[in-house]
Amino acid sequence: MAVAKLGTVVLDCPDPLALATFYAGLLGGSPSSEDETWVDLEGHEGTPLAFQLAPGHVPPNWPSPEGSQQFHLDLTVEDLDVAEERILALGAKPLDADDRGRSWRVYADPAGHPVCLCAC
């Protein structure tokens, strides 16, 4: 028997509105906020996302044998090349240059969190 159900995935970041705007460009929806410390992404399909101000945020170093990536988001896409063009235009950075033969590619969002585009 489950004790709980997944509510919202919250990402720490230095600029919640900017990161929510990035994910709105990827997933749809729009940022909603009452102050600068917390922004919800509303109106998209899937698990709720929120973005929380973390002034001392240090992004994970991926890939790194010395440290973990903490967590990452897998986003399902139909066409990797089209999705890659869009995610890069929104401000993501590629994290794995040797990824052309796979059905997924790894990027860092503007706050440094790993994000995988998956055509699986």
PDB file of N, CA and C in Angstrom:
ATOM      1  N   MET A   1       0.839  -1.179   0.000  1.00  0.00           N
ATOM      2  CA  MET A   1       0.000   0.000   0.000  1.00  0.00           C
ATOM      3  C   MET A   1       0.888   1.247   0.000  1.00  0.00           C
ATOM      4  N   ALA A   2       0.588   2.165  -0.878  1.00  0.00           N
ATOM      5  CA  ALA A   2       1.359   3.403  -0.966  1.00  0.00           C
ATOM      6  C   ALA A   2       1.077   4.296   0.230  1.00  0.00           C
ATOM      7  N   VAL A   3       2.090   4.972   0.686  1.00  0.00           N
ATOM      8  CA  VAL A   3       1.963   5.924   1.779  1.00  0.00           C
ATOM      9  C   VAL A   3       1.599   7.309   1.247  1.00  0.00           C
ATOM     10  N   ALA A   4       2.044   7.610   0.032  1.00  0.00           N
ATOM     11  CA  ALA A   4       1.837   8.939  -0.535  1.00  0.00           C
ATOM     12  C   ALA A   4       1.764   8.837  -2.047  1.00  0.00           C
ATOM     13  N   LYS A   5       1.427   9.946  -2.680  1.00  0.00           N
ATOM     14  CA  LYS A   5       1.515  10.036  -4.132  1.00  0.00           C
ATOM     15  C   LYS A   5       2.347  11.259  -4.469  1.00  0.00           C
ATOM     16  N   LEU A   6       2.994  11.209  -5.614  1.00  0.00           N
ATOM     17  CA  LEU A   6       3.858  12.306  -6.032  1.00  0.00           C
ATOM     18  C   LEU A   6       3.029  13.555  -6.258  1.00  0.00           C
ATOM     19  N   GLY A   7       3.405  14.633  -5.591  1.00  0.00           N
ATOM     20  CA  GLY A   7       2.695  15.897  -5.741  1.00  0.00           C
ATOM     21  C   GLY A   7       3.389  16.774  -6.765  1.00  0.00           C
ATOM     22  N   THR A   8       4.398  17.508  -6.327  1.00  0.00           N
ATOM     23  CA  THR A   8       5.103  18.461  -7.169  1.00  0.00           C
ATOM     24  C   THR A   8       6.595  18.178  -7.125  1.00  0.00           C
ATOM     25  N   VAL A   9       7.257  18.265  -8.264  1.00  0.00           N
ATOM     26  CA  VAL A   9       8.716  18.217  -8.318  1.00  0.00           C
ATOM     27  C   VAL A   9       9.192  19.665  -8.232  1.00  0.00           C
ATOM     28  N   VAL A  10      10.062  19.947  -7.269  1.00  0.00           N
ATOM     29  CA  VAL A  10      10.540  21.305  -7.030  1.00  0.00           C
ATOM     30  C   VAL A  10      12.034  21.365  -7.315  1.00  0.00           C
ATOM     31  N   LEU A  11      12.428  22.313  -8.149  1.00  0.00           N
ATOM     32  CA  LEU A  11      13.835  22.501  -8.463  1.00  0.00           C
ATOM     33  C   LEU A  11      14.353  23.752  -7.783  1.00  0.00           C
ATOM     34  N   ASP A  12      15.440  23.624  -7.016  1.00  0.00           N
ATOM     35  CA  ASP A  12      16.128  24.781  -6.462  1.00  0.00           C
ATOM     36  C   ASP A  12      16.874  25.478  -7.591  1.00  0.00           C
ATOM     37  N   CYS A  13      16.933  26.805  -7.524  1.00  0.00           N
ATOM     38  CA  CYS A  13      17.620  27.553  -8.574  1.00  0.00           C
ATOM     39  C   CYS A  13      17.852  28.989  -8.114  1.00  0.00           C
ATOM     40  N   PRO A  14      18.743  29.715  -8.783  1.00  0.00           N
ATOM     41  CA  PRO A  14      18.994  31.097  -8.407  1.00  0.00           C
ATOM     42  C   PRO A  14      17.945  32.087  -8.932  1.00  0.00           C
ATOM     43  N   ASP A  15      17.167  31.698  -9.945  1.00  0.00           N
ATOM     44  CA  ASP A  15      16.170  32.590 -10.537  1.00  0.00           C
ATOM     45  C   ASP A  15      14.927  31.776 -10.919  1.00  0.00           C
ATOM     46  N   PRO A  16      13.968  31.617  -9.993  1.00  0.00           N
ATOM     47  CA  PRO A  16      12.800  30.781 -10.256  1.00  0.00           C
ATOM     48  C   PRO A  16      11.987  31.173 -11.486  1.00  0.00           C
ATOM     49  N   LEU A  17      11.780  32.459 -11.714  1.00  0.00           N
ATOM     50  CA  LEU A  17      10.989  32.876 -12.870  1.00  0.00           C
ATOM     51  C   LEU A  17      11.692  32.520 -14.175  1.00  0.00           C
ATOM     52  N   ALA A  18      12.992  32.751 -14.241  1.00  0.00           N
ATOM     53  CA  ALA A  18      13.735  32.430 -15.464  1.00  0.00           C
ATOM     54  C   ALA A  18      13.697  30.928 -15.747  1.00  0.00           C
ATOM     55  N   LEU A  19      13.864  30.105 -14.713  1.00  0.00           N
ATOM     56  CA  LEU A  19      13.860  28.667 -14.940  1.00  0.00           C
ATOM     57  C   LEU A  19      12.457  28.168 -15.276  1.00  0.00           C
ATOM     58  N   ALA A  20      11.435  28.721 -14.648  1.00  0.00           N
ATOM     59  CA  ALA A  20      10.054  28.358 -14.986  1.00  0.00           C
ATOM     60  C   ALA A  20       9.739  28.740 -16.428  1.00  0.00           C
ATOM     61  N   THR A  21      10.244  29.858 -16.887  1.00  0.00           N
ATOM     62  CA  THR A  21      10.038  30.297 -18.267  1.00  0.00           C
ATOM     63  C   THR A  21      10.721  29.341 -19.240  1.00  0.00           C
ATOM     64  N   PHE A  22      11.920  28.873 -18.899  1.00  0.00           N
ATOM     65  CA  PHE A  22      12.618  27.873 -19.710  1.00  0.00           C
ATOM     66  C   PHE A  22      11.771  26.609 -19.845  1.00  0.00           C
ATOM     67  N   TYR A  23      11.274  26.080 -18.721  1.00  0.00           N
ATOM     68  CA  TYR A  23      10.479  24.857 -18.773  1.00  0.00           C
ATOM     69  C   TYR A  23       9.112  25.080 -19.435  1.00  0.00           C
ATOM     70  N   ALA A  24       8.562  26.273 -19.331  1.00  0.00           N
ATOM     71  CA  ALA A  24       7.320  26.568 -20.056  1.00  0.00           C
ATOM     72  C   ALA A  24       7.561  26.472 -21.563  1.00  0.00           C
ATOM     73  N   GLY A  25       8.728  26.904 -22.013  1.00  0.00           N
ATOM     74  CA  GLY A  25       9.072  26.787 -23.429  1.00  0.00           C
ATOM     75  C   GLY A  25       9.214  25.349 -23.881  1.00  0.00           C
ATOM     76  N   LEU A  26       9.628  24.468 -22.979  1.00  0.00           N
ATOM     77  CA  LEU A  26       9.775  23.046 -23.309  1.00  0.00           C
ATOM     78  C   LEU A  26       8.483  22.266 -23.165  1.00  0.00           C
ATOM     79  N   LEU A  27       7.752  22.512 -22.084  1.00  0.00           N
ATOM     80  CA  LEU A  27       6.609  21.678 -21.715  1.00  0.00           C
ATOM     81  C   LEU A  27       5.251  22.317 -21.959  1.00  0.00           C
ATOM     82  N   GLY A  28       5.246  23.605 -22.258  1.00  0.00           N
ATOM     83  CA  GLY A  28       3.986  24.331 -22.346  1.00  0.00           C
ATOM     84  C   GLY A  28       3.641  24.916 -20.978  1.00  0.00           C
ATOM     85  N   GLY A  29       2.515  25.545 -20.905  1.00  0.00           N
ATOM     86  CA  GLY A  29       2.109  26.164 -19.649  1.00  0.00           C
ATOM     87  C   GLY A  29       2.708  27.539 -19.481  1.00  0.00           C
ATOM     88  N   SER A  30       2.540  28.072 -18.280  1.00  0.00           N
ATOM     89  CA  SER A  30       3.072  29.401 -18.003  1.00  0.00           C
ATOM     90  C   SER A  30       3.437  29.515 -16.523  1.00  0.00           C
ATOM     91  N   PRO A  31       4.441  30.345 -16.229  1.00  0.00           N
ATOM     92  CA  PRO A  31       4.845  30.562 -14.849  1.00  0.00           C
ATOM     93  C   PRO A  31       3.773  31.323 -14.070  1.00  0.00           C
ATOM     94  N   SER A  32       3.611  30.973 -12.813  1.00  0.00           N
ATOM     95  CA  SER A  32       2.673  31.654 -11.925  1.00  0.00           C
ATOM     96  C   SER A  32       3.350  31.849 -10.580  1.00  0.00           C
ATOM     97  N   SER A  33       3.320  33.089 -10.088  1.00  0.00           N
ATOM     98  CA  SER A  33       4.039  33.367  -8.847  1.00  0.00           C
ATOM     99  C   SER A  33       3.397  34.515  -8.081  1.00  0.00           C
ATOM    100  N   GLU A  34       3.449  34.399  -6.766  1.00  0.00           N
ATOM    101  CA  GLU A  34       3.025  35.509  -5.910  1.00  0.00           C
ATOM    102  C   GLU A  34       4.218  36.306  -5.408  1.00  0.00           C
ATOM    103  N   ASP A  35       5.412  35.715  -5.471  1.00  0.00           N
ATOM    104  CA  ASP A  35       6.636  36.432  -5.107  1.00  0.00           C
ATOM    105  C   ASP A  35       7.821  35.816  -5.835  1.00  0.00           C
ATOM    106  N   GLU A  36       8.996  36.365  -5.634  1.00  0.00           N
ATOM    107  CA  GLU A  36      10.174  35.933  -6.394  1.00  0.00           C
ATOM    108  C   GLU A  36      10.838  34.676  -5.830  1.00  0.00           C
ATOM    109  N   THR A  37      10.322  34.123  -4.732  1.00  0.00           N
ATOM    110  CA  THR A  37      10.969  32.963  -4.124  1.00  0.00           C
ATOM    111  C   THR A  37      10.404  31.620  -4.580  1.00  0.00           C
ATOM    112  N   TRP A  38       9.238  31.625  -5.224  1.00  0.00           N
ATOM    113  CA  TRP A  38       8.584  30.360  -5.634  1.00  0.00           C
ATOM    114  C   TRP A  38       7.756  30.624  -6.878  1.00  0.00           C
ATOM    115  N   VAL A  39       7.946  29.797  -7.909  1.00  0.00           N
ATOM    116  CA  VAL A  39       7.170  29.914  -9.147  1.00  0.00           C
ATOM    117  C   VAL A  39       6.653  28.529  -9.520  1.00  0.00           C
ATOM    118  N   ASP A  40       5.348  28.442  -9.774  1.00  0.00           N
ATOM    119  CA  ASP A  40       4.732  27.213 -10.265  1.00  0.00           C
ATOM    120  C   ASP A  40       4.638  27.273 -11.780  1.00  0.00           C
ATOM    121  N   LEU A  41       4.801  26.116 -12.422  1.00  0.00           N
ATOM    122  CA  LEU A  41       4.539  26.013 -13.852  1.00  0.00           C
ATOM    123  C   LEU A  41       3.133  25.451 -13.992  1.00  0.00           C
ATOM    124  N   GLU A  42       2.227  26.266 -14.487  1.00  0.00           N
ATOM    125  CA  GLU A  42       0.822  25.871 -14.583  1.00  0.00           C
ATOM    126  C   GLU A  42       0.417  25.654 -16.036  1.00  0.00           C
ATOM    127  N   GLY A  43      -0.557  24.756 -16.236  1.00  0.00           N
ATOM    128  CA  GLY A  43      -1.156  24.573 -17.549  1.00  0.00           C
ATOM    129  C   GLY A  43      -0.401  23.646 -18.480  1.00  0.00           C
ATOM    130  N   HIS A  44       0.507  22.830 -17.954  1.00  0.00           N
ATOM    131  CA  HIS A  44       1.190  21.838 -18.798  1.00  0.00           C
ATOM    132  C   HIS A  44       0.718  20.439 -18.397  1.00  0.00           C
ATOM    133  N   GLU A  45       0.914  19.481 -19.285  1.00  0.00           N
ATOM    134  CA  GLU A  45       0.559  18.096 -18.975  1.00  0.00           C
ATOM    135  C   GLU A  45       1.676  17.473 -18.149  1.00  0.00           C
ATOM    136  N   GLY A  46       1.305  16.578 -17.252  1.00  0.00           N
ATOM    137  CA  GLY A  46       2.310  15.841 -16.497  1.00  0.00           C
ATOM    138  C   GLY A  46       2.401  16.286 -15.047  1.00  0.00           C
ATOM    139  N   THR A  47       3.429  15.814 -14.395  1.00  0.00           N
ATOM    140  CA  THR A  47       3.667  16.094 -12.983  1.00  0.00           C
ATOM    141  C   THR A  47       3.865  17.586 -12.766  1.00  0.00           C
ATOM    142  N   PRO A  48       3.232  18.152 -11.735  1.00  0.00           N
ATOM    143  CA  PRO A  48       3.437  19.574 -11.449  1.00  0.00           C
ATOM    144  C   PRO A  48       4.910  19.892 -11.172  1.00  0.00           C
ATOM    145  N   LEU A  49       5.353  21.027 -11.666  1.00  0.00           N
ATOM    146  CA  LEU A  49       6.711  21.517 -11.435  1.00  0.00           C
ATOM    147  C   LEU A  49       6.647  22.867 -10.745  1.00  0.00           C
ATOM    148  N   ALA A  50       7.601  23.082  -9.844  1.00  0.00           N
ATOM    149  CA  ALA A  50       7.749  24.379  -9.191  1.00  0.00           C
ATOM    150  C   ALA A  50       9.240  24.684  -9.081  1.00  0.00           C
ATOM    151  N   PHE A  51       9.538  25.951  -8.902  1.00  0.00           N
ATOM    152  CA  PHE A  51      10.916  26.416  -8.878  1.00  0.00           C
ATOM    153  C   PHE A  51      11.089  27.302  -7.655  1.00  0.00           C
ATOM    154  N   GLN A  52      12.088  26.958  -6.834  1.00  0.00           N
ATOM    155  CA  GLN A  52      12.279  27.608  -5.538  1.00  0.00           C
ATOM    156  C   GLN A  52      13.609  28.346  -5.520  1.00  0.00           C
ATOM    157  N   LEU A  53      13.594  29.571  -5.009  1.00  0.00           N
ATOM    158  CA  LEU A  53      14.808  30.365  -4.903  1.00  0.00           C
ATOM    159  C   LEU A  53      15.789  29.699  -3.946  1.00  0.00           C
ATOM    160  N   ALA A  54      17.006  29.514  -4.405  1.00  0.00           N
ATOM    161  CA  ALA A  54      18.098  28.982  -3.597  1.00  0.00           C
ATOM    162  C   ALA A  54      19.318  29.838  -3.885  1.00  0.00           C
ATOM    163  N   PRO A  55      19.514  30.915  -3.114  1.00  0.00           N
ATOM    164  CA  PRO A  55      20.606  31.856  -3.410  1.00  0.00           C
ATOM    165  C   PRO A  55      21.987  31.202  -3.500  1.00  0.00           C
ATOM    166  N   GLY A  56      22.235  30.150  -2.751  1.00  0.00           N
ATOM    167  CA  GLY A  56      23.533  29.480  -2.789  1.00  0.00           C
ATOM    168  C   GLY A  56      23.550  28.268  -3.692  1.00  0.00           C
ATOM    169  N   HIS A  57      22.601  28.202  -4.624  1.00  0.00           N
ATOM    170  CA  HIS A  57      22.482  27.019  -5.495  1.00  0.00           C
ATOM    171  C   HIS A  57      23.791  26.722  -6.211  1.00  0.00           C
ATOM    172  N   VAL A  58      24.211  25.465  -6.114  1.00  0.00           N
ATOM    173  CA  VAL A  58      25.383  24.983  -6.846  1.00  0.00           C
ATOM    174  C   VAL A  58      24.895  23.852  -7.747  1.00  0.00           C
ATOM    175  N   PRO A  59      24.963  24.027  -9.059  1.00  0.00           N
ATOM    176  CA  PRO A  59      24.473  22.973  -9.951  1.00  0.00           C
ATOM    177  C   PRO A  59      25.333  21.721  -9.850  1.00  0.00           C
ATOM    178  N   PRO A  60      24.740  20.568 -10.138  1.00  0.00           N
ATOM    179  CA  PRO A  60      25.536  19.343 -10.121  1.00  0.00           C
ATOM    180  C   PRO A  60      26.577  19.364 -11.230  1.00  0.00           C
ATOM    181  N   ASN A  61      27.644  18.633 -11.007  1.00  0.00           N
ATOM    182  CA  ASN A  61      28.685  18.506 -12.016  1.00  0.00           C
ATOM    183  C   ASN A  61      28.479  17.170 -12.709  1.00  0.00           C
ATOM    184  N   TRP A  62      27.945  17.195 -13.912  1.00  0.00           N
ATOM    185  CA  TRP A  62      27.646  15.961 -14.632  1.00  0.00           C
ATOM    186  C   TRP A  62      28.362  15.948 -15.969  1.00  0.00           C
ATOM    187  N   PRO A  63      28.909  14.888 -16.380  1.00  0.00           N
ATOM    188  CA  PRO A  63      29.127  13.668 -15.601  1.00  0.00           C
ATOM    189  C   PRO A  63      30.348  13.833 -14.711  1.00  0.00           C
ATOM    190  N   SER A  64      30.299  13.241 -13.544  1.00  0.00           N
ATOM    191  CA  SER A  64      31.404  13.342 -12.612  1.00  0.00           C
ATOM    192  C   SER A  64      31.457  12.101 -11.735  1.00  0.00           C
ATOM    193  N   PRO A  65      32.585  11.406 -11.729  1.00  0.00           N
ATOM    194  CA  PRO A  65      32.693  10.247 -10.847  1.00  0.00           C
ATOM    195  C   PRO A  65      32.779  10.650  -9.376  1.00  0.00           C
ATOM    196  N   GLU A  66      33.103  11.918  -9.100  1.00  0.00           N
ATOM    197  CA  GLU A  66      33.236  12.383  -7.722  1.00  0.00           C
ATOM    198  C   GLU A  66      31.906  12.811  -7.098  1.00  0.00           C
ATOM    199  N   GLY A  67      30.902  13.078  -7.908  1.00  0.00           N
ATOM    200  CA  GLY A  67      29.648  13.574  -7.352  1.00  0.00           C
ATOM    201  C   GLY A  67      28.460  13.092  -8.157  1.00  0.00           C
ATOM    202  N   SER A  68      27.329  13.121  -7.523  1.00  0.00           N
ATOM    203  CA  SER A  68      26.123  12.654  -8.205  1.00  0.00           C
ATOM    204  C   SER A  68      25.464  13.799  -8.953  1.00  0.00           C
ATOM    205  N   GLN A  69      24.583  13.445  -9.862  1.00  0.00           N
ATOM    206  CA  GLN A  69      23.825  14.465 -10.576  1.00  0.00           C
ATOM    207  C   GLN A  69      22.620  14.919  -9.764  1.00  0.00           C
ATOM    208  N   GLN A  70      22.411  14.371  -8.586  1.00  0.00           N
ATOM    209  CA  GLN A  70      21.327  14.692  -7.667  1.00  0.00           C
ATOM    210  C   GLN A  70      19.993  14.150  -8.169  1.00  0.00           C
ATOM    211  N   PHE A  71      19.573  14.523  -9.326  1.00  0.00           N
ATOM    212  CA  PHE A  71      18.389  13.998  -9.995  1.00  0.00           C
ATOM    213  C   PHE A  71      18.414  14.543 -11.408  1.00  0.00           C
ATOM    214  N   HIS A  72      17.560  14.020 -12.275  1.00  0.00           N
ATOM    215  CA  HIS A  72      17.412  14.615 -13.597  1.00  0.00           C
ATOM    216  C   HIS A  72      16.003  14.354 -14.095  1.00  0.00           C
ATOM    217  N   LEU A  73      15.598  15.139 -15.064  1.00  0.00           N
ATOM    218  CA  LEU A  73      14.290  14.970 -15.683  1.00  0.00           C
ATOM    219  C   LEU A  73      14.461  14.282 -17.025  1.00  0.00           C
ATOM    220  N   ASP A  74      13.642  13.264 -17.289  1.00  0.00           N
ATOM    221  CA  ASP A  74      13.561  12.646 -18.604  1.00  0.00           C
ATOM    222  C   ASP A  74      12.317  13.195 -19.290  1.00  0.00           C
ATOM    223  N   LEU A  75      12.504  13.874 -20.417  1.00  0.00           N
ATOM    224  CA  LEU A  75      11.396  14.452 -21.166  1.00  0.00           C
ATOM    225  C   LEU A  75      11.246  13.685 -22.479  1.00  0.00           C
ATOM    226  N   THR A  76      10.065  13.143 -22.718  1.00  0.00           N
ATOM    227  CA  THR A  76       9.802  12.346 -23.915  1.00  0.00           C
ATOM    228  C   THR A  76       9.498  13.265 -25.090  1.00  0.00           C
ATOM    229  N   VAL A  77      10.183  13.027 -26.212  1.00  0.00           N
ATOM    230  CA  VAL A  77       9.995  13.823 -27.424  1.00  0.00           C
ATOM    231  C   VAL A  77       9.781  12.885 -28.608  1.00  0.00           C
ATOM    232  N   GLU A  78       9.207  13.411 -29.672  1.00  0.00           N
ATOM    233  CA  GLU A  78       8.990  12.602 -30.877  1.00  0.00           C
ATOM    234  C   GLU A  78      10.185  12.660 -31.813  1.00  0.00           C
ATOM    235  N   ASP A  79      10.848  13.806 -31.899  1.00  0.00           N
ATOM    236  CA  ASP A  79      11.963  13.990 -32.818  1.00  0.00           C
ATOM    237  C   ASP A  79      13.114  14.652 -32.056  1.00  0.00           C
ATOM    238  N   LEU A  80      14.191  13.903 -31.851  1.00  0.00           N
ATOM    239  CA  LEU A  80      15.318  14.422 -31.072  1.00  0.00           C
ATOM    240  C   LEU A  80      15.942  15.662 -31.696  1.00  0.00           C
ATOM    241  N   ASP A  81      16.102  15.681 -33.002  1.00  0.00           N
ATOM    242  CA  ASP A  81      16.743  16.825 -33.646  1.00  0.00           C
ATOM    243  C   ASP A  81      15.920  18.094 -33.491  1.00  0.00           C
ATOM    244  N   VAL A  82      14.614  17.999 -33.672  1.00  0.00           N
ATOM    245  CA  VAL A  82      13.732  19.158 -33.514  1.00  0.00           C
ATOM    246  C   VAL A  82      13.734  19.615 -32.055  1.00  0.00           C
ATOM    247  N   ALA A  83      13.632  18.659 -31.125  1.00  0.00           N
ATOM    248  CA  ALA A  83      13.626  19.002 -29.706  1.00  0.00           C
ATOM    249  C   ALA A  83      14.958  19.608 -29.285  1.00  0.00           C
ATOM    250  N   GLU A  84      16.055  19.090 -29.824  1.00  0.00           N
ATOM    251  CA  GLU A  84      17.365  19.645 -29.489  1.00  0.00           C
ATOM    252  C   GLU A  84      17.477  21.102 -29.937  1.00  0.00           C
ATOM    253  N   GLU A  85      17.019  21.378 -31.123  1.00  0.00           N
ATOM    254  CA  GLU A  85      17.060  22.758 -31.620  1.00  0.00           C
ATOM    255  C   GLU A  85      16.308  23.688 -30.674  1.00  0.00           C
ATOM    256  N   ARG A  86      15.151  23.247 -30.212  1.00  0.00           N
ATOM    257  CA  ARG A  86      14.314  24.065 -29.324  1.00  0.00           C
ATOM    258  C   ARG A  86      14.948  24.241 -27.942  1.00  0.00           C
ATOM    259  N   ILE A  87      15.455  23.152 -27.349  1.00  0.00           N
ATOM    260  CA  ILE A  87      16.014  23.254 -26.002  1.00  0.00           C
ATOM    261  C   ILE A  87      17.268  24.141 -25.990  1.00  0.00           C
ATOM    262  N   LEU A  88      18.070  24.057 -27.053  1.00  0.00           N
ATOM    263  CA  LEU A  88      19.252  24.918 -27.142  1.00  0.00           C
ATOM    264  C   LEU A  88      18.854  26.376 -27.324  1.00  0.00           C
ATOM    265  N   ALA A  89      17.827  26.626 -28.127  1.00  0.00           N
ATOM    266  CA  ALA A  89      17.355  28.001 -28.335  1.00  0.00           C
ATOM    267  C   ALA A  89      16.811  28.604 -27.039  1.00  0.00           C
ATOM    268  N   LEU A  90      16.284  27.753 -26.161  1.00  0.00           N
ATOM    269  CA  LEU A  90      15.754  28.225 -24.882  1.00  0.00           C
ATOM    270  C   LEU A  90      16.848  28.469 -23.843  1.00  0.00           C
ATOM    271  N   GLY A  91      18.081  28.055 -24.122  1.00  0.00           N
ATOM    272  CA  GLY A  91      19.186  28.344 -23.216  1.00  0.00           C
ATOM    273  C   GLY A  91      19.855  27.142 -22.584  1.00  0.00           C
ATOM    274  N   ALA A  92      19.485  25.923 -22.957  1.00  0.00           N
ATOM    275  CA  ALA A  92      20.145  24.734 -22.415  1.00  0.00           C
ATOM    276  C   ALA A  92      21.538  24.588 -23.026  1.00  0.00           C
ATOM    277  N   LYS A  93      22.384  23.863 -22.324  1.00  0.00           N
ATOM    278  CA  LYS A  93      23.737  23.562 -22.802  1.00  0.00           C
ATOM    279  C   LYS A  93      23.881  22.047 -22.944  1.00  0.00           C
ATOM    280  N   PRO A  94      24.486  21.563 -24.041  1.00  0.00           N
ATOM    281  CA  PRO A  94      24.695  20.119 -24.178  1.00  0.00           C
ATOM    282  C   PRO A  94      25.695  19.623 -23.136  1.00  0.00           C
ATOM    283  N   LEU A  95      25.416  18.464 -22.534  1.00  0.00           N
ATOM    284  CA  LEU A  95      26.324  17.874 -21.557  1.00  0.00           C
ATOM    285  C   LEU A  95      27.034  16.650 -22.094  1.00  0.00           C
ATOM    286  N   ASP A  96      26.567  16.089 -23.184  1.00  0.00           N
ATOM    287  CA  ASP A  96      27.141  14.864 -23.698  1.00  0.00           C
ATOM    288  C   ASP A  96      27.249  14.980 -25.214  1.00  0.00           C
ATOM    289  N   ALA A  97      28.430  15.329 -25.690  1.00  0.00           N
ATOM    290  CA  ALA A  97      28.616  15.571 -27.128  1.00  0.00           C
ATOM    291  C   ALA A  97      28.606  14.285 -27.943  1.00  0.00           C
ATOM    292  N   ASP A  98      28.849  13.151 -27.311  1.00  0.00           N
ATOM    293  CA  ASP A  98      28.928  11.890 -28.042  1.00  0.00           C
ATOM    294  C   ASP A  98      27.624  11.111 -27.896  1.00  0.00           C
ATOM    295  N   ASP A  99      26.529  11.728 -28.359  1.00  0.00           N
ATOM    296  CA  ASP A  99      25.216  11.127 -28.101  1.00  0.00           C
ATOM    297  C   ASP A  99      24.393  10.890 -29.362  1.00  0.00           C
ATOM    298  N   ARG A 100      24.943  10.976 -30.523  1.00  0.00           N
ATOM    299  CA  ARG A 100      24.165  10.886 -31.758  1.00  0.00           C
ATOM    300  C   ARG A 100      23.643   9.487 -32.065  1.00  0.00           C
ATOM    301  N   GLY A 101      24.241   8.448 -31.519  1.00  0.00           N
ATOM    302  CA  GLY A 101      23.800   7.098 -31.831  1.00  0.00           C
ATOM    303  C   GLY A 101      22.774   6.552 -30.860  1.00  0.00           C
ATOM    304  N   ARG A 102      22.344   7.364 -29.903  1.00  0.00           N
ATOM    305  CA  ARG A 102      21.405   6.904 -28.884  1.00  0.00           C
ATOM    306  C   ARG A 102      20.026   7.506 -29.109  1.00  0.00           C
ATOM    307  N   SER A 103      19.052   6.977 -28.383  1.00  0.00           N
ATOM    308  CA  SER A 103      17.684   7.505 -28.470  1.00  0.00           C
ATOM    309  C   SER A 103      17.429   8.563 -27.407  1.00  0.00           C
ATOM    310  N   TRP A 104      18.484   9.088 -26.768  1.00  0.00           N
ATOM    311  CA  TRP A 104      18.346  10.149 -25.772  1.00  0.00           C
ATOM    312  C   TRP A 104      19.593  11.030 -25.785  1.00  0.00           C
ATOM    313  N   ARG A 105      19.403  12.274 -25.358  1.00  0.00           N
ATOM    314  CA  ARG A 105      20.494  13.258 -25.303  1.00  0.00           C
ATOM    315  C   ARG A 105      20.404  14.029 -23.988  1.00  0.00           C
ATOM    316  N   VAL A 106      21.564  14.447 -23.480  1.00  0.00           N
ATOM    317  CA  VAL A 106      21.639  15.075 -22.158  1.00  0.00           C
ATOM    318  C   VAL A 106      22.040  16.541 -22.288  1.00  0.00           C
ATOM    319  N   TYR A 107      21.331  17.398 -21.538  1.00  0.00           N
ATOM    320  CA  TYR A 107      21.566  18.839 -21.540  1.00  0.00           C
ATOM    321  C   TYR A 107      21.553  19.342 -20.093  1.00  0.00           C
ATOM    322  N   ALA A 108      22.022  20.553 -19.898  1.00  0.00           N
ATOM    323  CA  ALA A 108      21.861  21.245 -18.615  1.00  0.00           C
ATOM    324  C   ALA A 108      20.867  22.363 -18.843  1.00  0.00           C
ATOM    325  N   ASP A 109      19.877  22.474 -17.942  1.00  0.00           N
ATOM    326  CA  ASP A 109      18.970  23.616 -18.029  1.00  0.00           C
ATOM    327  C   ASP A 109      19.741  24.869 -17.602  1.00  0.00           C
ATOM    328  N   PRO A 110      19.163  26.068 -17.694  1.00  0.00           N
ATOM    329  CA  PRO A 110      19.901  27.286 -17.363  1.00  0.00           C
ATOM    330  C   PRO A 110      20.437  27.347 -15.926  1.00  0.00           C
ATOM    331  N   ALA A 111      19.885  26.550 -15.005  1.00  0.00           N
ATOM    332  CA  ALA A 111      20.403  26.502 -13.630  1.00  0.00           C
ATOM    333  C   ALA A 111      21.372  25.350 -13.436  1.00  0.00           C
ATOM    334  N   GLY A 112      21.628  24.565 -14.485  1.00  0.00           N
ATOM    335  CA  GLY A 112      22.615  23.495 -14.417  1.00  0.00           C
ATOM    336  C   GLY A 112      22.070  22.116 -14.122  1.00  0.00           C
ATOM    337  N   HIS A 113      20.753  21.953 -13.964  1.00  0.00           N
ATOM    338  CA  HIS A 113      20.186  20.628 -13.718  1.00  0.00           C
ATOM    339  C   HIS A 113      20.234  19.797 -15.002  1.00  0.00           C
ATOM    340  N   PRO A 114      20.636  18.517 -14.912  1.00  0.00           N
ATOM    341  CA  PRO A 114      20.600  17.664 -16.098  1.00  0.00           C
ATOM    342  C   PRO A 114      19.172  17.413 -16.566  1.00  0.00           C
ATOM    343  N   VAL A 115      18.982  17.456 -17.879  1.00  0.00           N
ATOM    344  CA  VAL A 115      17.695  17.187 -18.520  1.00  0.00           C
ATOM    345  C   VAL A 115      17.976  16.269 -19.714  1.00  0.00           C
ATOM    346  N   CYS A 116      17.246  15.156 -19.788  1.00  0.00           N
ATOM    347  CA  CYS A 116      17.409  14.237 -20.916  1.00  0.00           C
ATOM    348  C   CYS A 116      16.194  14.364 -21.835  1.00  0.00           C
ATOM    349  N   LEU A 117      16.476  14.509 -23.127  1.00  0.00           N
ATOM    350  CA  LEU A 117      15.427  14.391 -24.134  1.00  0.00           C
ATOM    351  C   LEU A 117      15.456  12.957 -24.601  1.00  0.00           C
ATOM    352  N   CYS A 118      14.322  12.287 -24.541  1.00  0.00           N
ATOM    353  CA  CYS A 118      14.252  10.857 -24.844  1.00  0.00           C
ATOM    354  C   CYS A 118      13.231  10.596 -25.944  1.00  0.00           C
ATOM    355  N   ALA A 119      13.675   9.936 -27.006  1.00  0.00           N
ATOM    356  CA  ALA A 119      12.772   9.483 -28.068  1.00  0.00           C
ATOM    357  C   ALA A 119      12.681   7.972 -27.946  1.00  0.00           C
ATOM    358  N   CYS A 120      12.212   7.524 -26.815  1.00  0.00           N
ATOM    359  CA  CYS A 120      12.180   6.083 -26.488  1.00  0.00           C
ATOM    360  C   CYS A 120      10.783   5.534 -26.655  1.00  0.00           C
TER     361      CYS A 120
END
